[in-house]
């Protein structure tokens, strides 16, 4: 037997759990209003709100990336493949071995290549090292030329006997002469959020009458500048 509340559409307190009130048909006079689609001004207002929220986030994103240095060079996992130091090899001796290494970090990505030339009795052997550091967190300009970088055996520029500016190479370039620590120059270049370091050291056979004469240092420096410029051009994005 159907009770009166059920006939009136009411929903009793003893209804089964999980069931919801059945939908009630709108009064006859309101059906047209219910079926009427939303006006275009409603969607326009919603779009304006979303657009305002998006534009409000733009300054925050701009400020976040404004402090990140612009890096104009790409990372090389095998730096020895990117440069053979051809001009420098012609001015010194043929390369015997190459040893690449690299690492990617949160603040700095670096790539390193170490080359050793052939050695013969009575001759001179050379060690060449190339280092590329990409600074992703801070501009390296403030500390440029003051530290040793990853080439630990290279002293800072402040401890060198002579430091000369090299014009026309990157934002700033230094040719560093070292006398007390190791024979050979070191070229440092700052450009596009990156620091490039190229060092050359040599060792003569001192057992044979004091060893052979040293290399033409001016020719070595000129070759270093030429090979550095070629490497920077190859790694530039």
C-alpha atoms as a PDB file:
ATOM      1  CA  UNK A   1       0.000   0.000   0.000  1.00  0.00           C
ATOM      2  CA  UNK A   2       1.445   3.372  -1.043  1.00  0.00           C
ATOM      3  CA  UNK A   3       1.480   5.910   1.736  1.00  0.00           C
ATOM      4  CA  UNK A   4       0.569   9.536   1.368  1.00  0.00           C
ATOM      5  CA  UNK A   5       4.155  10.934   1.767  1.00  0.00           C
ATOM      6  CA  UNK A   6       5.343   8.811  -1.114  1.00  0.00           C
ATOM      7  CA  UNK A   7       2.485  10.059  -3.244  1.00  0.00           C
ATOM      8  CA  UNK A   8       3.524  13.644  -2.473  1.00  0.00           C
ATOM      9  CA  UNK A   9       7.133  12.962  -3.497  1.00  0.00           C
ATOM     10  CA  UNK A  10       8.649  13.319  -0.019  1.00  0.00           C
ATOM     11  CA  UNK A  11      11.698  11.312   1.005  1.00  0.00           C
ATOM     12  CA  UNK A  12      11.433   9.682   4.363  1.00  0.00           C
ATOM     13  CA  UNK A  13      14.130   9.425   7.025  1.00  0.00           C
ATOM     14  CA  UNK A  14      14.086   5.616   6.726  1.00  0.00           C
ATOM     15  CA  UNK A  15      15.306   5.664   3.088  1.00  0.00           C
ATOM     16  CA  UNK A  16      18.094   3.158   2.217  1.00  0.00           C
ATOM     17  CA  UNK A  17      21.663   4.463   2.592  1.00  0.00           C
ATOM     18  CA  UNK A  18      23.327   5.682  -0.586  1.00  0.00           C
ATOM     19  CA  UNK A  19      20.079   6.602  -2.343  1.00  0.00           C
ATOM     20  CA  UNK A  20      19.453  10.189  -3.232  1.00  0.00           C
ATOM     21  CA  UNK A  21      16.350  12.248  -3.514  1.00  0.00           C
ATOM     22  CA  UNK A  22      14.718  11.690  -6.929  1.00  0.00           C
ATOM     23  CA  UNK A  23      14.747  14.624  -9.238  1.00  0.00           C
ATOM     24  CA  UNK A  24      11.641  16.796  -9.090  1.00  0.00           C
ATOM     25  CA  UNK A  25      10.281  18.093 -12.346  1.00  0.00           C
ATOM     26  CA  UNK A  26      10.170  21.889 -12.445  1.00  0.00           C
ATOM     27  CA  UNK A  27       6.839  23.621 -12.513  1.00  0.00           C
ATOM     28  CA  UNK A  28       5.308  23.952 -15.928  1.00  0.00           C
ATOM     29  CA  UNK A  29       5.939  27.640 -16.018  1.00  0.00           C
ATOM     30  CA  UNK A  30       9.691  27.337 -15.293  1.00  0.00           C
ATOM     31  CA  UNK A  31      10.637  24.634 -17.809  1.00  0.00           C
ATOM     32  CA  UNK A  32      11.563  27.106 -20.496  1.00  0.00           C
ATOM     33  CA  UNK A  33      13.889  28.948 -18.118  1.00  0.00           C
ATOM     34  CA  UNK A  34      15.646  25.749 -17.138  1.00  0.00           C
ATOM     35  CA  UNK A  35      16.302  24.714 -20.738  1.00  0.00           C
ATOM     36  CA  UNK A  36      17.564  28.161 -21.744  1.00  0.00           C
ATOM     37  CA  UNK A  37      21.366  28.069 -22.480  1.00  0.00           C
ATOM     38  CA  UNK A  38      23.735  30.380 -20.669  1.00  0.00           C
ATOM     39  CA  UNK A  39      24.208  33.710 -22.250  1.00  0.00           C
ATOM     40  CA  UNK A  40      27.496  34.586 -23.959  1.00  0.00           C
ATOM     41  CA  UNK A  41      28.310  37.138 -21.252  1.00  0.00           C
ATOM     42  CA  UNK A  42      28.730  34.302 -18.719  1.00  0.00           C
ATOM     43  CA  UNK A  43      31.461  32.628 -20.771  1.00  0.00           C
ATOM     44  CA  UNK A  44      33.098  35.977 -21.514  1.00  0.00           C
ATOM     45  CA  UNK A  45      33.255  36.740 -17.794  1.00  0.00           C
ATOM     46  CA  UNK A  46      34.818  33.335 -17.044  1.00  0.00           C
ATOM     47  CA  UNK A  47      37.411  33.844 -19.775  1.00  0.00           C
ATOM     48  CA  UNK A  48      38.305  37.270 -18.442  1.00  0.00           C
ATOM     49  CA  UNK A  49      38.855  35.847 -14.956  1.00  0.00           C
ATOM     50  CA  UNK A  50      41.141  33.103 -16.288  1.00  0.00           C
ATOM     51  CA  UNK A  51      43.071  35.559 -18.433  1.00  0.00           C
ATOM     52  CA  UNK A  52      43.573  37.893 -15.475  1.00  0.00           C
ATOM     53  CA  UNK A  53      44.939  35.020 -13.404  1.00  0.00           C
ATOM     54  CA  UNK A  54      47.326  34.079 -16.208  1.00  0.00           C
ATOM     55  CA  UNK A  55      48.658  37.598 -16.663  1.00  0.00           C
ATOM     56  CA  UNK A  56      49.101  37.944 -12.912  1.00  0.00           C
ATOM     57  CA  UNK A  57      51.521  34.990 -12.992  1.00  0.00           C
ATOM     58  CA  UNK A  58      53.646  36.440 -15.809  1.00  0.00           C
ATOM     59  CA  UNK A  59      55.696  38.892 -13.662  1.00  0.00           C
ATOM     60  CA  UNK A  60      56.493  36.099 -11.203  1.00  0.00           C
ATOM     61  CA  UNK A  61      57.756  33.844 -14.014  1.00  0.00           C
ATOM     62  CA  UNK A  62      59.670  36.730 -15.541  1.00  0.00           C
ATOM     63  CA  UNK A  63      61.364  37.519 -12.219  1.00  0.00           C
ATOM     64  CA  UNK A  64      62.203  33.860 -11.687  1.00  0.00           C
ATOM     65  CA  UNK A  65      64.037  33.529 -14.987  1.00  0.00           C
ATOM     66  CA  UNK A  66      65.569  37.006 -14.978  1.00  0.00           C
ATOM     67  CA  UNK A  67      68.118  35.906 -12.378  1.00  0.00           C
ATOM     68  CA  UNK A  68      69.176  32.849 -14.392  1.00  0.00           C
ATOM     69  CA  UNK A  69      72.273  33.537 -16.513  1.00  0.00           C
ATOM     70  CA  UNK A  70      71.881  33.237 -20.252  1.00  0.00           C
ATOM     71  CA  UNK A  71      74.095  30.382 -21.422  1.00  0.00           C
ATOM     72  CA  UNK A  72      75.052  30.755 -25.063  1.00  0.00           C
ATOM     73  CA  UNK A  73      76.853  27.406 -25.312  1.00  0.00           C
ATOM     74  CA  UNK A  74      75.871  23.754 -25.206  1.00  0.00           C
ATOM     75  CA  UNK A  75      77.234  21.043 -22.956  1.00  0.00           C
ATOM     76  CA  UNK A  76      79.591  18.484 -24.539  1.00  0.00           C
ATOM     77  CA  UNK A  77      79.761  15.045 -22.965  1.00  0.00           C
ATOM     78  CA  UNK A  78      82.946  14.290 -24.896  1.00  0.00           C
ATOM     79  CA  UNK A  79      84.906  17.494 -25.251  1.00  0.00           C
ATOM     80  CA  UNK A  80      87.803  15.705 -26.950  1.00  0.00           C
ATOM     81  CA  UNK A  81      85.514  15.029 -29.910  1.00  0.00           C
ATOM     82  CA  UNK A  82      84.665  18.719 -30.174  1.00  0.00           C
ATOM     83  CA  UNK A  83      88.255  19.928 -30.438  1.00  0.00           C
ATOM     84  CA  UNK A  84      91.488  18.327 -31.535  1.00  0.00           C
ATOM     85  CA  UNK A  85      93.486  21.526 -30.885  1.00  0.00           C
ATOM     86  CA  UNK A  86      94.801  21.175 -34.418  1.00  0.00           C
ATOM     87  CA  UNK A  87      96.692  24.465 -34.534  1.00  0.00           C
ATOM     88  CA  UNK A  88      98.263  23.879 -31.139  1.00  0.00           C
ATOM     89  CA  UNK A  89      99.323  20.353 -32.067  1.00  0.00           C
ATOM     90  CA  UNK A  90     101.088  21.693 -35.165  1.00  0.00           C
ATOM     91  CA  UNK A  91     103.006  24.134 -32.964  1.00  0.00           C
ATOM     92  CA  UNK A  92     104.016  21.460 -30.434  1.00  0.00           C
ATOM     93  CA  UNK A  93     103.876  17.701 -31.127  1.00  0.00           C
ATOM     94  CA  UNK A  94     101.461  14.959 -32.258  1.00  0.00           C
ATOM     95  CA  UNK A  95      98.878  13.848 -29.699  1.00  0.00           C
ATOM     96  CA  UNK A  96      99.336  10.398 -28.188  1.00  0.00           C
ATOM     97  CA  UNK A  97      96.331  10.058 -25.841  1.00  0.00           C
ATOM     98  CA  UNK A  98      93.084  11.888 -25.074  1.00  0.00           C
ATOM     99  CA  UNK A  99      91.067  11.663 -21.856  1.00  0.00           C
ATOM    100  CA  UNK A 100      87.574  13.227 -21.778  1.00  0.00           C
ATOM    101  CA  UNK A 101      85.384  13.689 -18.697  1.00  0.00           C
ATOM    102  CA  UNK A 102      82.229  15.644 -17.873  1.00  0.00           C
ATOM    103  CA  UNK A 103      79.575  16.219 -15.253  1.00  0.00           C
ATOM    104  CA  UNK A 104      76.168  17.877 -15.145  1.00  0.00           C
ATOM    105  CA  UNK A 105      75.152  19.545 -11.891  1.00  0.00           C
ATOM    106  CA  UNK A 106      72.493  21.861 -10.523  1.00  0.00           C
ATOM    107  CA  UNK A 107      74.767  24.912 -10.612  1.00  0.00           C
ATOM    108  CA  UNK A 108      77.486  24.099 -13.167  1.00  0.00           C
ATOM    109  CA  UNK A 109      77.867  21.725 -16.087  1.00  0.00           C
ATOM    110  CA  UNK A 110      81.490  21.096 -16.992  1.00  0.00           C
ATOM    111  CA  UNK A 111      83.387  19.198 -19.662  1.00  0.00           C
ATOM    112  CA  UNK A 112      87.120  18.495 -19.649  1.00  0.00           C
ATOM    113  CA  UNK A 113      89.606  17.095 -22.144  1.00  0.00           C
ATOM    114  CA  UNK A 114      93.208  16.217 -21.347  1.00  0.00           C
ATOM    115  CA  UNK A 115      95.672  15.511 -24.162  1.00  0.00           C
ATOM    116  CA  UNK A 116      99.233  14.175 -24.010  1.00  0.00           C
ATOM    117  CA  UNK A 117     101.624  14.409 -26.926  1.00  0.00           C
ATOM    118  CA  UNK A 118     104.097  11.786 -28.005  1.00  0.00           C
ATOM    119  CA  UNK A 119     107.446  11.734 -26.265  1.00  0.00           C
ATOM    120  CA  UNK A 120     110.818  10.663 -27.519  1.00  0.00           C
ATOM    121  CA  UNK A 121     114.231  10.670 -25.886  1.00  0.00           C
ATOM    122  CA  UNK A 122     115.840  14.072 -26.079  1.00  0.00           C
ATOM    123  CA  UNK A 123     112.549  15.716 -26.999  1.00  0.00           C
ATOM    124  CA  UNK A 124     109.791  17.629 -25.257  1.00  0.00           C
ATOM    125  CA  UNK A 125     106.386  16.288 -24.248  1.00  0.00           C
ATOM    126  CA  UNK A 126     103.251  18.424 -23.809  1.00  0.00           C
ATOM    127  CA  UNK A 127     100.125  18.244 -21.734  1.00  0.00           C
ATOM    128  CA  UNK A 128      97.100  20.208 -22.952  1.00  0.00           C
ATOM    129  CA  UNK A 129      93.886  20.660 -21.016  1.00  0.00           C
ATOM    130  CA  UNK A 130      90.588  22.172 -22.103  1.00  0.00           C
ATOM    131  CA  UNK A 131      87.808  22.951 -19.639  1.00  0.00           C
ATOM    132  CA  UNK A 132      84.339  24.361 -20.397  1.00  0.00           C
ATOM    133  CA  UNK A 133      82.146  25.416 -17.455  1.00  0.00           C
ATOM    134  CA  UNK A 134      78.497  26.392 -18.010  1.00  0.00           C
ATOM    135  CA  UNK A 135      77.217  28.371 -15.006  1.00  0.00           C
ATOM    136  CA  UNK A 136      73.464  27.884 -14.559  1.00  0.00           C
ATOM    137  CA  UNK A 137      72.852  29.594 -11.212  1.00  0.00           C
ATOM    138  CA  UNK A 138      75.147  32.619 -10.964  1.00  0.00           C
ATOM    139  CA  UNK A 139      76.959  34.871 -13.404  1.00  0.00           C
ATOM    140  CA  UNK A 140      80.633  33.783 -13.438  1.00  0.00           C
ATOM    141  CA  UNK A 141      81.885  37.289 -14.245  1.00  0.00           C
ATOM    142  CA  UNK A 142      82.366  38.243 -10.581  1.00  0.00           C
ATOM    143  CA  UNK A 143      84.892  35.445  -9.977  1.00  0.00           C
ATOM    144  CA  UNK A 144      86.413  35.252 -13.428  1.00  0.00           C
ATOM    145  CA  UNK A 145      90.196  34.830 -13.301  1.00  0.00           C
ATOM    146  CA  UNK A 146      90.312  34.478  -9.522  1.00  0.00           C
ATOM    147  CA  UNK A 147      89.971  30.724  -9.002  1.00  0.00           C
ATOM    148  CA  UNK A 148      91.588  27.562 -10.262  1.00  0.00           C
ATOM    149  CA  UNK A 149      88.471  26.027 -11.779  1.00  0.00           C
ATOM    150  CA  UNK A 150      88.582  22.283 -12.246  1.00  0.00           C
ATOM    151  CA  UNK A 151      92.165  22.287 -13.533  1.00  0.00           C
ATOM    152  CA  UNK A 152      93.677  21.919 -10.078  1.00  0.00           C
ATOM    153  CA  UNK A 153      97.289  22.235 -11.153  1.00  0.00           C
ATOM    154  CA  UNK A 154      96.637  25.678 -12.662  1.00  0.00           C
ATOM    155  CA  UNK A 155      97.150  28.478 -10.120  1.00  0.00           C
ATOM    156  CA  UNK A 156      94.757  31.442 -10.011  1.00  0.00           C
ATOM    157  CA  UNK A 157      95.505  34.460 -12.146  1.00  0.00           C
ATOM    158  CA  UNK A 158      96.381  36.498  -9.054  1.00  0.00           C
ATOM    159  CA  UNK A 159      99.276  34.126  -8.297  1.00  0.00           C
ATOM    160  CA  UNK A 160     100.659  34.220 -11.843  1.00  0.00           C
ATOM    161  CA  UNK A 161     103.733  36.137 -12.871  1.00  0.00           C
ATOM    162  CA  UNK A 162     101.953  37.939 -15.714  1.00  0.00           C
ATOM    163  CA  UNK A 163      98.347  38.409 -16.828  1.00  0.00           C
ATOM    164  CA  UNK A 164      97.515  40.001 -20.182  1.00  0.00           C
ATOM    165  CA  UNK A 165      94.143  40.891 -21.667  1.00  0.00           C
ATOM    166  CA  UNK A 166      93.371  39.208 -24.998  1.00  0.00           C
ATOM    167  CA  UNK A 167      91.204  41.468 -27.172  1.00  0.00           C
ATOM    168  CA  UNK A 168      88.539  40.219 -29.553  1.00  0.00           C
ATOM    169  CA  UNK A 169      87.860  36.935 -27.791  1.00  0.00           C
ATOM    170  CA  UNK A 170      84.567  36.551 -25.933  1.00  0.00           C
ATOM    171  CA  UNK A 171      83.370  39.112 -23.403  1.00  0.00           C
ATOM    172  CA  UNK A 172      86.735  38.992 -21.673  1.00  0.00           C
ATOM    173  CA  UNK A 173      89.868  36.898 -22.146  1.00  0.00           C
ATOM    174  CA  UNK A 174      93.104  36.564 -20.169  1.00  0.00           C
ATOM    175  CA  UNK A 175      96.444  35.010 -21.073  1.00  0.00           C
ATOM    176  CA  UNK A 176      98.067  33.893 -17.827  1.00  0.00           C
ATOM    177  CA  UNK A 177     101.783  33.197 -17.503  1.00  0.00           C
ATOM    178  CA  UNK A 178     102.876  30.767 -14.810  1.00  0.00           C
ATOM    179  CA  UNK A 179     106.488  30.458 -13.775  1.00  0.00           C
ATOM    180  CA  UNK A 180     106.764  29.075 -10.260  1.00  0.00           C
ATOM    181  CA  UNK A 181     104.316  26.214 -10.642  1.00  0.00           C
ATOM    182  CA  UNK A 182     104.541  24.855 -14.190  1.00  0.00           C
ATOM    183  CA  UNK A 183     105.908  25.873 -17.557  1.00  0.00           C
ATOM    184  CA  UNK A 184     103.350  27.038 -20.060  1.00  0.00           C
ATOM    185  CA  UNK A 185     100.568  29.614 -20.540  1.00  0.00           C
ATOM    186  CA  UNK A 186      96.908  29.408 -19.679  1.00  0.00           C
ATOM    187  CA  UNK A 187      94.091  31.064 -21.629  1.00  0.00           C
ATOM    188  CA  UNK A 188      90.819  31.941 -19.886  1.00  0.00           C
ATOM    189  CA  UNK A 189      87.729  33.227 -21.698  1.00  0.00           C
ATOM    190  CA  UNK A 190      84.454  34.504 -20.279  1.00  0.00           C
ATOM    191  CA  UNK A 191      81.484  34.571 -22.641  1.00  0.00           C
ATOM    192  CA  UNK A 192      77.742  33.884 -22.575  1.00  0.00           C
ATOM    193  CA  UNK A 193      77.557  32.455 -19.065  1.00  0.00           C
ATOM    194  CA  UNK A 194      80.477  30.098 -19.764  1.00  0.00           C
ATOM    195  CA  UNK A 195      84.133  30.007 -18.765  1.00  0.00           C
ATOM    196  CA  UNK A 196      86.650  28.378 -21.099  1.00  0.00           C
ATOM    197  CA  UNK A 197      90.126  27.392 -19.928  1.00  0.00           C
ATOM    198  CA  UNK A 198      92.956  26.110 -22.109  1.00  0.00           C
ATOM    199  CA  UNK A 199      96.317  25.316 -20.540  1.00  0.00           C
ATOM    200  CA  UNK A 200      99.558  23.999 -21.993  1.00  0.00           C
ATOM    201  CA  UNK A 201     102.506  22.652 -20.021  1.00  0.00           C
ATOM    202  CA  UNK A 202     105.682  20.997 -21.281  1.00  0.00           C
ATOM    203  CA  UNK A 203     108.464  18.842 -19.939  1.00  0.00           C
ATOM    204  CA  UNK A 204     111.871  18.373 -21.585  1.00  0.00           C
ATOM    205  CA  UNK A 205     114.343  15.517 -21.286  1.00  0.00           C
ATOM    206  CA  UNK A 206     116.768  17.114 -18.835  1.00  0.00           C
ATOM    207  CA  UNK A 207     119.020  14.051 -18.767  1.00  0.00           C
ATOM    208  CA  UNK A 208     120.638  15.047 -22.069  1.00  0.00           C
ATOM    209  CA  UNK A 209     122.781  18.099 -21.428  1.00  0.00           C
ATOM    210  CA  UNK A 210     120.034  20.138 -19.752  1.00  0.00           C
ATOM    211  CA  UNK A 211     117.340  19.197 -22.260  1.00  0.00           C
ATOM    212  CA  UNK A 212     116.233  20.652 -25.588  1.00  0.00           C
ATOM    213  CA  UNK A 213     115.294  24.296 -25.998  1.00  0.00           C
ATOM    214  CA  UNK A 214     111.724  25.143 -25.058  1.00  0.00           C
ATOM    215  CA  UNK A 215     108.974  25.726 -27.616  1.00  0.00           C
ATOM    216  CA  UNK A 216     108.248  29.017 -29.312  1.00  0.00           C
ATOM    217  CA  UNK A 217     105.948  30.458 -26.660  1.00  0.00           C
ATOM    218  CA  UNK A 218     104.561  33.183 -28.914  1.00  0.00           C
ATOM    219  CA  UNK A 219     103.584  30.541 -31.466  1.00  0.00           C
ATOM    220  CA  UNK A 220     101.990  28.434 -28.711  1.00  0.00           C
ATOM    221  CA  UNK A 221      99.924  31.396 -27.458  1.00  0.00           C
ATOM    222  CA  UNK A 222      98.765  32.294 -30.969  1.00  0.00           C
ATOM    223  CA  UNK A 223      97.730  28.682 -31.542  1.00  0.00           C
ATOM    224  CA  UNK A 224      95.845  28.601 -28.247  1.00  0.00           C
ATOM    225  CA  UNK A 225      93.825  31.676 -29.210  1.00  0.00           C
ATOM    226  CA  UNK A 226      92.979  30.261 -32.631  1.00  0.00           C
ATOM    227  CA  UNK A 227      91.928  26.871 -31.258  1.00  0.00           C
ATOM    228  CA  UNK A 228      89.896  28.500 -28.490  1.00  0.00           C
ATOM    229  CA  UNK A 229      88.013  30.638 -30.985  1.00  0.00           C
ATOM    230  CA  UNK A 230      87.261  27.534 -33.076  1.00  0.00           C
ATOM    231  CA  UNK A 231      86.001  25.611 -30.018  1.00  0.00           C
ATOM    232  CA  UNK A 232      83.726  28.444 -28.939  1.00  0.00           C
ATOM    233  CA  UNK A 233      82.244  28.624 -32.410  1.00  0.00           C
ATOM    234  CA  UNK A 234      81.619  24.893 -32.417  1.00  0.00           C
ATOM    235  CA  UNK A 235      79.870  24.853 -29.031  1.00  0.00           C
ATOM    236  CA  UNK A 236      77.802  27.973 -29.511  1.00  0.00           C
ATOM    237  CA  UNK A 237      74.071  27.287 -29.606  1.00  0.00           C
END
